[in-house]
Amino acid sequence: MHRFLRTLGARRWPAQARHSRRAAALLPAALRSLILAPILAAALIGTALLSACSSQPSEPTAQATATPSAATSPAPAQGSPGPAADASATAPAYPGPADVAALPDTDGRSQTALESYKVALEYVRQQYPNVDFLGIVPSHIMLNNLGNPPVTLGWFFKFKSPDDPAFHFVQVVDGEITGMRSLTPLGEDETQLPIDMSKVTVDSPAVFERFRANAPAKGITVDDQVTYDLELVYLPGSPGPVWSVVTPDGSQWLYSVNAVTGEEAPIPRT
């Protein structure tokens, strides 16, 4: 091509032959410049973009907060004291745990169940003024069903309004509200009668004391390293509300007491 341009220039413009030859000699370099220019520009733009990206502060990693969902949680081992329901959160969100083995050493029960009940009742009636009290649910079962990071056991109180299908579970730890969860059953739930707490005379420490005193006669070996659970429930056919001592895994009801009279009662769940 270079030779063709030289010949063409000499033939058409004899007076400018030398200038044409000089221009023709420079043309390959010009072509190279035209070809390389966009490549170099793209490289410079890419370098600038990389520099800009590397200078941007990294986004903080989002910390996931699990939302308890009883719909995907295992059902309680006995009866239905815990939620097997469609969860809809109410404020504040419940922070409850999944791994019972990872629970802290303290059980969050520096206040008795009846003392903590007053705290829970006052709290839930701020949102649901006409609720009935349906009982105390074993904490280990509730924590496993709610399935969130570990917290202290405390006490779980179950409430329900007559005109509302949802159950309201309030947890109290050492006299303080840790949260509430409202759950609507997916199907028919076990019938539980409202408890008139003005008639309940037996508190949680007395239930544990009677359990330990009567356990040997019933062939039960009490493990002092285990935090036993309690359930308070009033089922149809029962003479009144009944306290029951429950194993931590929720698999066995060990001992029951009539919450009104203090007498030993038949175990309500088998």
C-alpha atoms as a PDB file:
ATOM      1  CA  MET A   1       0.000   0.000   0.000  1.00  0.00           C
ATOM      2  CA  HIS A   2       2.865   2.357   0.796  1.00  0.00           C
ATOM      3  CA  ARG A   3       4.418   1.697  -2.623  1.00  0.00           C
ATOM      4  CA  PHE A   4       1.082   2.305  -4.338  1.00  0.00           C
ATOM      5  CA  LEU A   5       0.676   5.675  -2.617  1.00  0.00           C
ATOM      6  CA  ARG A   6       4.195   6.742  -3.613  1.00  0.00           C
ATOM      7  CA  THR A   7       3.563   5.837  -7.278  1.00  0.00           C
ATOM      8  CA  LEU A   8       0.170   7.520  -7.308  1.00  0.00           C
ATOM      9  CA  GLY A   9       1.585  10.720  -5.839  1.00  0.00           C
ATOM     10  CA  ALA A  10       4.468  10.937  -8.314  1.00  0.00           C
ATOM     11  CA  ARG A  11       2.162  10.358 -11.243  1.00  0.00           C
ATOM     12  CA  ARG A  12      -0.507  12.965 -10.442  1.00  0.00           C
ATOM     13  CA  TRP A  13       1.427  15.711  -8.599  1.00  0.00           C
ATOM     14  CA  PRO A  14       5.093  15.796  -9.904  1.00  0.00           C
ATOM     15  CA  ALA A  15       5.810  19.134  -8.214  1.00  0.00           C
ATOM     16  CA  GLN A  16       4.877  17.745  -4.813  1.00  0.00           C
ATOM     17  CA  ALA A  17       6.413  14.309  -5.208  1.00  0.00           C
ATOM     18  CA  ARG A  18       8.883  14.703  -2.363  1.00  0.00           C
ATOM     19  CA  HIS A  19       6.173  16.055  -0.022  1.00  0.00           C
ATOM     20  CA  SER A  20       3.909  13.153  -0.998  1.00  0.00           C
ATOM     21  CA  ARG A  21       6.665  10.647  -0.322  1.00  0.00           C
ATOM     22  CA  ARG A  22       7.268  12.235   3.105  1.00  0.00           C
ATOM     23  CA  ALA A  23       3.548  12.133   3.915  1.00  0.00           C
ATOM     24  CA  ALA A  24       3.319   8.574   2.691  1.00  0.00           C
ATOM     25  CA  ALA A  25       6.231   7.613   4.921  1.00  0.00           C
ATOM     26  CA  LEU A  26       4.480   9.080   7.937  1.00  0.00           C
ATOM     27  CA  LEU A  27       1.098   7.488   7.156  1.00  0.00           C
ATOM     28  CA  PRO A  28       1.709   4.064   8.787  1.00  0.00           C
ATOM     29  CA  ALA A  29       2.590   5.794  12.050  1.00  0.00           C
ATOM     30  CA  ALA A  30      -0.593   7.868  11.822  1.00  0.00           C
ATOM     31  CA  LEU A  31      -2.635   4.760  11.180  1.00  0.00           C
ATOM     32  CA  ARG A  32      -1.027   3.108  14.165  1.00  0.00           C
ATOM     33  CA  SER A  33      -1.908   6.137  16.271  1.00  0.00           C
ATOM     34  CA  LEU A  34      -5.505   6.058  15.098  1.00  0.00           C
ATOM     35  CA  ILE A  35      -5.783   2.364  15.942  1.00  0.00           C
ATOM     36  CA  LEU A  36      -4.029   2.562  19.302  1.00  0.00           C
ATOM     37  CA  ALA A  37      -5.708   5.764  20.504  1.00  0.00           C
ATOM     38  CA  PRO A  38      -9.109   4.255  21.352  1.00  0.00           C
ATOM     39  CA  ILE A  39      -7.448   1.221  22.929  1.00  0.00           C
ATOM     40  CA  LEU A  40      -5.291   3.416  25.150  1.00  0.00           C
ATOM     41  CA  ALA A  41      -8.320   5.572  26.011  1.00  0.00           C
ATOM     42  CA  ALA A  42     -10.354   2.507  26.995  1.00  0.00           C
ATOM     43  CA  ALA A  43      -7.478   1.260  29.139  1.00  0.00           C
ATOM     44  CA  LEU A  44      -7.215   4.617  30.887  1.00  0.00           C
ATOM     45  CA  ILE A  45     -10.988   4.686  31.499  1.00  0.00           C
ATOM     46  CA  GLY A  46     -10.865   1.142  32.891  1.00  0.00           C
ATOM     47  CA  THR A  47      -8.003   2.054  35.205  1.00  0.00           C
ATOM     48  CA  ALA A  48      -9.920   5.094  36.421  1.00  0.00           C
ATOM     49  CA  LEU A  49     -13.014   3.023  37.081  1.00  0.00           C
ATOM     50  CA  LEU A  50     -11.021   0.428  39.009  1.00  0.00           C
ATOM     51  CA  SER A  51      -9.438   3.143  41.090  1.00  0.00           C
ATOM     52  CA  ALA A  52     -12.830   4.692  41.802  1.00  0.00           C
ATOM     53  CA  CYS A  53     -14.314   1.347  42.808  1.00  0.00           C
ATOM     54  CA  SER A  54     -11.399   0.485  45.069  1.00  0.00           C
ATOM     55  CA  SER A  55     -11.713   3.844  46.792  1.00  0.00           C
ATOM     56  CA  GLN A  56     -15.418   3.317  47.623  1.00  0.00           C
ATOM     57  CA  PRO A  57     -16.085   2.276  51.252  1.00  0.00           C
ATOM     58  CA  SER A  58     -17.355  -1.288  51.495  1.00  0.00           C
ATOM     59  CA  GLU A  59     -21.007  -1.786  52.396  1.00  0.00           C
ATOM     60  CA  PRO A  60     -21.523  -3.128  55.916  1.00  0.00           C
ATOM     61  CA  THR A  61     -22.723  -6.710  55.972  1.00  0.00           C
ATOM     62  CA  ALA A  62     -26.375  -6.862  56.917  1.00  0.00           C
ATOM     63  CA  GLN A  63     -27.002  -8.692  60.148  1.00  0.00           C
ATOM     64  CA  ALA A  64     -29.954 -10.989  59.787  1.00  0.00           C
ATOM     65  CA  THR A  65     -32.576 -10.994  62.489  1.00  0.00           C
ATOM     66  CA  ALA A  66     -34.528 -14.074  62.478  1.00  0.00           C
ATOM     67  CA  THR A  67     -38.263 -13.790  62.795  1.00  0.00           C
ATOM     68  CA  PRO A  68     -39.864 -16.559  64.763  1.00  0.00           C
ATOM     69  CA  SER A  69     -42.244 -18.655  62.733  1.00  0.00           C
ATOM     70  CA  ALA A  70     -44.263 -21.243  64.522  1.00  0.00           C
ATOM     71  CA  ALA A  71     -45.624 -22.501  61.212  1.00  0.00           C
ATOM     72  CA  THR A  72     -42.267 -24.122  60.408  1.00  0.00           C
ATOM     73  CA  SER A  73     -41.370 -25.075  63.962  1.00  0.00           C
ATOM     74  CA  PRO A  74     -41.702 -28.520  65.508  1.00  0.00           C
ATOM     75  CA  ALA A  75     -44.911 -29.064  67.406  1.00  0.00           C
ATOM     76  CA  PRO A  76     -44.757 -29.552  71.182  1.00  0.00           C
ATOM     77  CA  ALA A  77     -44.170 -33.121  72.245  1.00  0.00           C
ATOM     78  CA  GLN A  78     -47.215 -33.293  74.514  1.00  0.00           C
ATOM     79  CA  GLY A  79     -50.643 -31.807  73.833  1.00  0.00           C
ATOM     80  CA  SER A  80     -50.390 -28.317  72.434  1.00  0.00           C
ATOM     81  CA  PRO A  81     -49.089 -25.980  75.150  1.00  0.00           C
ATOM     82  CA  GLY A  82     -46.840 -24.190  72.681  1.00  0.00           C
ATOM     83  CA  PRO A  83     -47.607 -22.458  69.396  1.00  0.00           C
ATOM     84  CA  ALA A  84     -48.215 -24.415  66.215  1.00  0.00           C
ATOM     85  CA  ALA A  85     -49.476 -21.435  64.328  1.00  0.00           C
ATOM     86  CA  ASP A  86     -49.076 -18.752  61.739  1.00  0.00           C
ATOM     87  CA  ALA A  87     -46.959 -16.057  63.377  1.00  0.00           C
ATOM     88  CA  SER A  88     -47.682 -12.334  63.131  1.00  0.00           C
ATOM     89  CA  ALA A  89     -45.371 -10.193  65.206  1.00  0.00           C
ATOM     90  CA  THR A  90     -46.426  -7.488  67.577  1.00  0.00           C
ATOM     91  CA  ALA A  91     -44.124  -4.883  69.010  1.00  0.00           C
ATOM     92  CA  PRO A  92     -41.690  -5.379  70.512  1.00  0.00           C
ATOM     93  CA  ALA A  93     -40.478  -8.368  68.546  1.00  0.00           C
ATOM     94  CA  TYR A  94     -39.685 -11.421  70.582  1.00  0.00           C
ATOM     95  CA  PRO A  95     -35.946 -12.225  70.794  1.00  0.00           C
ATOM     96  CA  GLY A  96     -36.339 -15.880  71.756  1.00  0.00           C
ATOM     97  CA  PRO A  97     -33.957 -18.812  71.136  1.00  0.00           C
ATOM     98  CA  ALA A  98     -33.810 -22.147  69.366  1.00  0.00           C
ATOM     99  CA  ASP A  99     -30.930 -23.972  71.022  1.00  0.00           C
ATOM    100  CA  VAL A 100     -31.945 -24.876  74.559  1.00  0.00           C
ATOM    101  CA  ALA A 101     -28.487 -26.302  75.267  1.00  0.00           C
ATOM    102  CA  ALA A 102     -26.999 -22.857  74.657  1.00  0.00           C
ATOM    103  CA  LEU A 103     -29.158 -21.108  77.226  1.00  0.00           C
ATOM    104  CA  PRO A 104     -27.278 -19.014  79.792  1.00  0.00           C
ATOM    105  CA  ASP A 105     -26.745 -20.246  83.344  1.00  0.00           C
ATOM    106  CA  THR A 106     -29.405 -17.995  84.837  1.00  0.00           C
ATOM    107  CA  ASP A 107     -32.986 -19.087  84.268  1.00  0.00           C
ATOM    108  CA  GLY A 108     -34.495 -15.591  84.406  1.00  0.00           C
ATOM    109  CA  ARG A 109     -36.839 -16.585  87.210  1.00  0.00           C
ATOM    110  CA  SER A 110     -35.727 -14.354  90.059  1.00  0.00           C
ATOM    111  CA  GLN A 111     -39.408 -13.452  90.319  1.00  0.00           C
ATOM    112  CA  THR A 112     -41.978 -16.182  90.828  1.00  0.00           C
ATOM    113  CA  ALA A 113     -44.510 -17.090  88.195  1.00  0.00           C
ATOM    114  CA  LEU A 114     -47.348 -15.288  89.969  1.00  0.00           C
ATOM    115  CA  GLU A 115     -45.259 -12.146  90.460  1.00  0.00           C
ATOM    116  CA  SER A 116     -44.290 -12.172  86.778  1.00  0.00           C
ATOM    117  CA  TYR A 117     -47.915 -12.741  85.768  1.00  0.00           C
ATOM    118  CA  LYS A 118     -48.839  -9.277  87.005  1.00  0.00           C
ATOM    119  CA  VAL A 119     -46.138  -7.756  84.796  1.00  0.00           C
ATOM    120  CA  ALA A 120     -47.310  -9.710  81.745  1.00  0.00           C
ATOM    121  CA  LEU A 121     -50.983  -8.887  82.317  1.00  0.00           C
ATOM    122  CA  GLU A 122     -50.327  -5.175  82.615  1.00  0.00           C
ATOM    123  CA  TYR A 123     -48.272  -5.234  79.429  1.00  0.00           C
ATOM    124  CA  VAL A 124     -50.644  -7.247  77.214  1.00  0.00           C
ATOM    125  CA  ARG A 125     -53.696  -5.216  78.269  1.00  0.00           C
ATOM    126  CA  GLN A 126     -52.106  -2.090  76.861  1.00  0.00           C
ATOM    127  CA  GLN A 127     -52.793  -3.545  73.411  1.00  0.00           C
ATOM    128  CA  TYR A 128     -55.556  -6.060  74.124  1.00  0.00           C
ATOM    129  CA  PRO A 129     -57.678  -4.762  77.021  1.00  0.00           C
ATOM    130  CA  ASN A 130     -60.136  -7.652  77.195  1.00  0.00           C
ATOM    131  CA  VAL A 131     -57.788 -10.653  77.093  1.00  0.00           C
ATOM    132  CA  ASP A 132     -58.332 -13.786  79.144  1.00  0.00           C
ATOM    133  CA  PHE A 133     -55.421 -15.538  80.821  1.00  0.00           C
ATOM    134  CA  LEU A 134     -55.048 -19.110  79.547  1.00  0.00           C
ATOM    135  CA  GLY A 135     -51.978 -20.196  81.443  1.00  0.00           C
ATOM    136  CA  ILE A 136     -48.207 -20.567  81.561  1.00  0.00           C
ATOM    137  CA  VAL A 137     -46.491 -22.457  78.745  1.00  0.00           C
ATOM    138  CA  PRO A 138     -43.282 -24.470  79.358  1.00  0.00           C
ATOM    139  CA  SER A 139     -40.426 -22.155  78.369  1.00  0.00           C
ATOM    140  CA  HIS A 140     -38.270 -24.791  76.672  1.00  0.00           C
ATOM    141  CA  ILE A 141     -41.134 -25.734  74.357  1.00  0.00           C
ATOM    142  CA  MET A 142     -41.833 -22.096  73.519  1.00  0.00           C
ATOM    143  CA  LEU A 143     -38.192 -21.335  72.828  1.00  0.00           C
ATOM    144  CA  ASN A 144     -37.762 -24.356  70.574  1.00  0.00           C
ATOM    145  CA  ASN A 145     -40.931 -23.512  68.645  1.00  0.00           C
ATOM    146  CA  LEU A 146     -40.074 -19.849  68.195  1.00  0.00           C
ATOM    147  CA  GLY A 147     -36.616 -20.795  66.963  1.00  0.00           C
ATOM    148  CA  ASN A 148     -34.485 -17.694  67.549  1.00  0.00           C
ATOM    149  CA  PRO A 149     -31.065 -17.118  69.115  1.00  0.00           C
ATOM    150  CA  PRO A 150     -30.741 -18.169  72.771  1.00  0.00           C
ATOM    151  CA  VAL A 151     -32.124 -16.076  75.600  1.00  0.00           C
ATOM    152  CA  THR A 152     -33.025 -16.790  79.216  1.00  0.00           C
ATOM    153  CA  LEU A 153     -35.963 -19.085  79.988  1.00  0.00           C
ATOM    154  CA  GLY A 154     -38.096 -16.806  82.154  1.00  0.00           C
ATOM    155  CA  TRP A 155     -41.862 -17.352  82.085  1.00  0.00           C
ATOM    156  CA  PHE A 156     -44.229 -17.459  79.088  1.00  0.00           C
ATOM    157  CA  PHE A 157     -47.802 -16.299  79.654  1.00  0.00           C
ATOM    158  CA  LYS A 158     -50.598 -17.139  77.225  1.00  0.00           C
ATOM    159  CA  PHE A 159     -53.492 -14.739  76.636  1.00  0.00           C
ATOM    160  CA  LYS A 160     -56.427 -14.581  74.236  1.00  0.00           C
ATOM    161  CA  SER A 161     -59.270 -12.178  73.528  1.00  0.00           C
ATOM    162  CA  PRO A 162     -62.720 -13.791  73.171  1.00  0.00           C
ATOM    163  CA  ASP A 163     -63.328 -12.089  69.803  1.00  0.00           C
ATOM    164  CA  ASP A 164     -59.836 -12.704  68.382  1.00  0.00           C
ATOM    165  CA  PRO A 165     -58.479 -16.059  67.097  1.00  0.00           C
ATOM    166  CA  ALA A 166     -54.884 -15.090  67.927  1.00  0.00           C
ATOM    167  CA  PHE A 167     -53.045 -16.143  71.056  1.00  0.00           C
ATOM    168  CA  HIS A 168     -50.690 -13.630  72.673  1.00  0.00           C
ATOM    169  CA  PHE A 169     -47.554 -15.024  74.304  1.00  0.00           C
ATOM    170  CA  VAL A 170     -45.684 -12.681  76.630  1.00  0.00           C
ATOM    171  CA  GLN A 171     -42.278 -13.541  78.057  1.00  0.00           C
ATOM    172  CA  VAL A 172     -41.116 -12.110  81.379  1.00  0.00           C
ATOM    173  CA  VAL A 173     -37.476 -12.507  82.461  1.00  0.00           C
ATOM    174  CA  ASP A 174     -36.494 -11.444  85.975  1.00  0.00           C
ATOM    175  CA  GLY A 175     -39.568  -9.241  86.212  1.00  0.00           C
ATOM    176  CA  GLU A 176     -38.979  -7.523  82.860  1.00  0.00           C
ATOM    177  CA  ILE A 177     -40.892  -7.889  79.597  1.00  0.00           C
ATOM    178  CA  THR A 178     -38.642  -9.277  76.858  1.00  0.00           C
ATOM    179  CA  GLY A 179     -41.286  -9.333  74.140  1.00  0.00           C
ATOM    180  CA  MET A 180     -44.623 -10.589  72.918  1.00  0.00           C
ATOM    181  CA  ARG A 181     -45.658 -12.778  70.001  1.00  0.00           C
ATOM    182  CA  SER A 182     -49.174 -13.090  68.612  1.00  0.00           C
ATOM    183  CA  LEU A 183     -49.944 -16.380  66.866  1.00  0.00           C
ATOM    184  CA  THR A 184     -53.030 -17.482  64.983  1.00  0.00           C
ATOM    185  CA  PRO A 185     -53.595 -21.272  64.944  1.00  0.00           C
ATOM    186  CA  LEU A 186     -53.445 -22.974  61.560  1.00  0.00           C
ATOM    187  CA  GLY A 187     -56.158 -25.419  62.584  1.00  0.00           C
ATOM    188  CA  GLU A 188     -58.266 -26.214  65.601  1.00  0.00           C
ATOM    189  CA  ASP A 189     -56.389 -25.642  68.824  1.00  0.00           C
ATOM    190  CA  GLU A 190     -56.773 -27.448  72.112  1.00  0.00           C
ATOM    191  CA  THR A 191     -59.614 -26.058  74.223  1.00  0.00           C
ATOM    192  CA  GLN A 192     -58.300 -24.280  77.302  1.00  0.00           C
ATOM    193  CA  LEU A 193     -60.437 -22.497  79.865  1.00  0.00           C
ATOM    194  CA  PRO A 194     -59.629 -19.022  81.192  1.00  0.00           C
ATOM    195  CA  ILE A 195     -57.916 -19.031  84.595  1.00  0.00           C
ATOM    196  CA  ASP A 196     -59.155 -16.821  87.417  1.00  0.00           C
ATOM    197  CA  MET A 197     -55.849 -15.925  89.034  1.00  0.00           C
ATOM    198  CA  SER A 198     -57.572 -14.551  92.136  1.00  0.00           C
ATOM    199  CA  LYS A 199     -58.288 -18.180  93.076  1.00  0.00           C
ATOM    200  CA  VAL A 200     -54.776 -19.520  92.429  1.00  0.00           C
ATOM    201  CA  THR A 201     -52.989 -19.996  95.768  1.00  0.00           C
ATOM    202  CA  VAL A 202     -49.968 -22.081  94.774  1.00  0.00           C
ATOM    203  CA  ASP A 203     -46.942 -20.335  93.261  1.00  0.00           C
ATOM    204  CA  SER A 204     -44.050 -21.792  91.264  1.00  0.00           C
ATOM    205  CA  PRO A 205     -41.567 -22.297  94.170  1.00  0.00           C
ATOM    206  CA  ALA A 206     -44.100 -24.400  96.064  1.00  0.00           C
ATOM    207  CA  VAL A 207     -44.732 -26.564  92.981  1.00  0.00           C
ATOM    208  CA  PHE A 208     -41.016 -27.315  92.605  1.00  0.00           C
ATOM    209  CA  GLU A 209     -40.673 -28.036  96.331  1.00  0.00           C
ATOM    210  CA  ARG A 210     -43.526 -30.523  96.293  1.00  0.00           C
ATOM    211  CA  PHE A 211     -42.178 -32.163  93.177  1.00  0.00           C
ATOM    212  CA  ARG A 212     -38.768 -32.730  94.782  1.00  0.00           C
ATOM    213  CA  ALA A 213     -40.343 -34.017  97.971  1.00  0.00           C
ATOM    214  CA  ASN A 214     -42.601 -36.499  96.157  1.00  0.00           C
ATOM    215  CA  ALA A 215     -40.282 -37.555  93.337  1.00  0.00           C
ATOM    216  CA  PRO A 216     -38.544 -40.476  95.156  1.00  0.00           C
ATOM    217  CA  ALA A 217     -41.882 -42.103  96.030  1.00  0.00           C
ATOM    218  CA  LYS A 218     -42.838 -41.931  92.335  1.00  0.00           C
ATOM    219  CA  GLY A 219     -39.531 -43.427  91.200  1.00  0.00           C
ATOM    220  CA  ILE A 220     -38.343 -40.128  89.755  1.00  0.00           C
ATOM    221  CA  THR A 221     -34.679 -39.189  90.107  1.00  0.00           C
ATOM    222  CA  VAL A 222     -34.390 -35.422  90.322  1.00  0.00           C
ATOM    223  CA  ASP A 223     -31.395 -34.026  88.465  1.00  0.00           C
ATOM    224  CA  ASP A 224     -30.150 -30.887  90.220  1.00  0.00           C
ATOM    225  CA  GLN A 225     -28.250 -29.885  87.076  1.00  0.00           C
ATOM    226  CA  VAL A 226     -31.479 -29.644  85.092  1.00  0.00           C
ATOM    227  CA  THR A 227     -33.874 -26.702  84.996  1.00  0.00           C
ATOM    228  CA  TYR A 228     -37.312 -28.259  85.035  1.00  0.00           C
ATOM    229  CA  ASP A 229     -40.201 -26.455  83.413  1.00  0.00           C
ATOM    230  CA  LEU A 230     -43.708 -25.621  84.559  1.00  0.00           C
ATOM    231  CA  GLU A 231     -47.071 -25.545  82.860  1.00  0.00           C
ATOM    232  CA  LEU A 232     -50.223 -23.948  84.263  1.00  0.00           C
ATOM    233  CA  VAL A 233     -53.368 -24.865  82.352  1.00  0.00           C
ATOM    234  CA  TYR A 234     -57.106 -25.318  82.901  1.00  0.00           C
ATOM    235  CA  LEU A 235     -58.448 -28.054  80.636  1.00  0.00           C
ATOM    236  CA  PRO A 236     -62.115 -29.074  80.273  1.00  0.00           C
ATOM    237  CA  GLY A 237     -62.989 -31.814  82.756  1.00  0.00           C
ATOM    238  CA  SER A 238     -60.365 -30.682  85.242  1.00  0.00           C
ATOM    239  CA  PRO A 239     -61.544 -29.549  88.709  1.00  0.00           C
ATOM    240  CA  GLY A 240     -59.496 -26.392  88.271  1.00  0.00           C
ATOM    241  CA  PRO A 241     -56.227 -25.009  86.898  1.00  0.00           C
ATOM    242  CA  VAL A 242     -53.325 -27.408  87.306  1.00  0.00           C
ATOM    243  CA  TRP A 243     -49.600 -26.863  87.725  1.00  0.00           C
ATOM    244  CA  SER A 244     -47.365 -29.504  86.131  1.00  0.00           C
ATOM    245  CA  VAL A 245     -43.606 -30.062  86.274  1.00  0.00           C
ATOM    246  CA  VAL A 246     -42.266 -30.819  82.790  1.00  0.00           C
ATOM    247  CA  THR A 247     -38.927 -32.216  81.631  1.00  0.00           C
ATOM    248  CA  PRO A 248     -36.715 -29.674  79.793  1.00  0.00           C
ATOM    249  CA  ASP A 249     -37.184 -31.415  76.445  1.00  0.00           C
ATOM    250  CA  GLY A 250     -40.974 -31.209  76.846  1.00  0.00           C
ATOM    251  CA  SER A 251     -41.371 -34.956  76.431  1.00  0.00           C
ATOM    252  CA  GLN A 252     -42.793 -35.842  79.841  1.00  0.00           C
ATOM    253  CA  TRP A 253     -45.134 -34.354  82.454  1.00  0.00           C
ATOM    254  CA  LEU A 254     -43.774 -35.560  85.801  1.00  0.00           C
ATOM    255  CA  TYR A 255     -45.914 -34.220  88.605  1.00  0.00           C
ATOM    256  CA  SER A 256     -49.077 -32.113  88.938  1.00  0.00           C
ATOM    257  CA  VAL A 257     -50.694 -29.992  91.638  1.00  0.00           C
ATOM    258  CA  ASN A 258     -54.100 -28.335  91.810  1.00  0.00           C
ATOM    259  CA  ALA A 259     -53.270 -24.624  91.597  1.00  0.00           C
ATOM    260  CA  VAL A 260     -56.243 -23.677  93.824  1.00  0.00           C
ATOM    261  CA  THR A 261     -56.229 -26.305  96.565  1.00  0.00           C
ATOM    262  CA  GLY A 262     -52.570 -27.305  96.511  1.00  0.00           C
ATOM    263  CA  GLU A 263     -53.461 -30.980  96.408  1.00  0.00           C
ATOM    264  CA  GLU A 264     -51.706 -33.415  94.101  1.00  0.00           C
ATOM    265  CA  ALA A 265     -53.648 -33.737  90.863  1.00  0.00           C
ATOM    266  CA  PRO A 266     -53.772 -36.183  87.964  1.00  0.00           C
ATOM    267  CA  ILE A 267     -51.280 -35.306  85.254  1.00  0.00           C
ATOM    268  CA  PRO A 268     -53.358 -33.490  82.579  1.00  0.00           C
ATOM    269  CA  ARG A 269     -51.274 -34.729  79.642  1.00  0.00           C
ATOM    270  CA  THR A 270     -50.194 -38.267  78.871  1.00  0.00           C
END
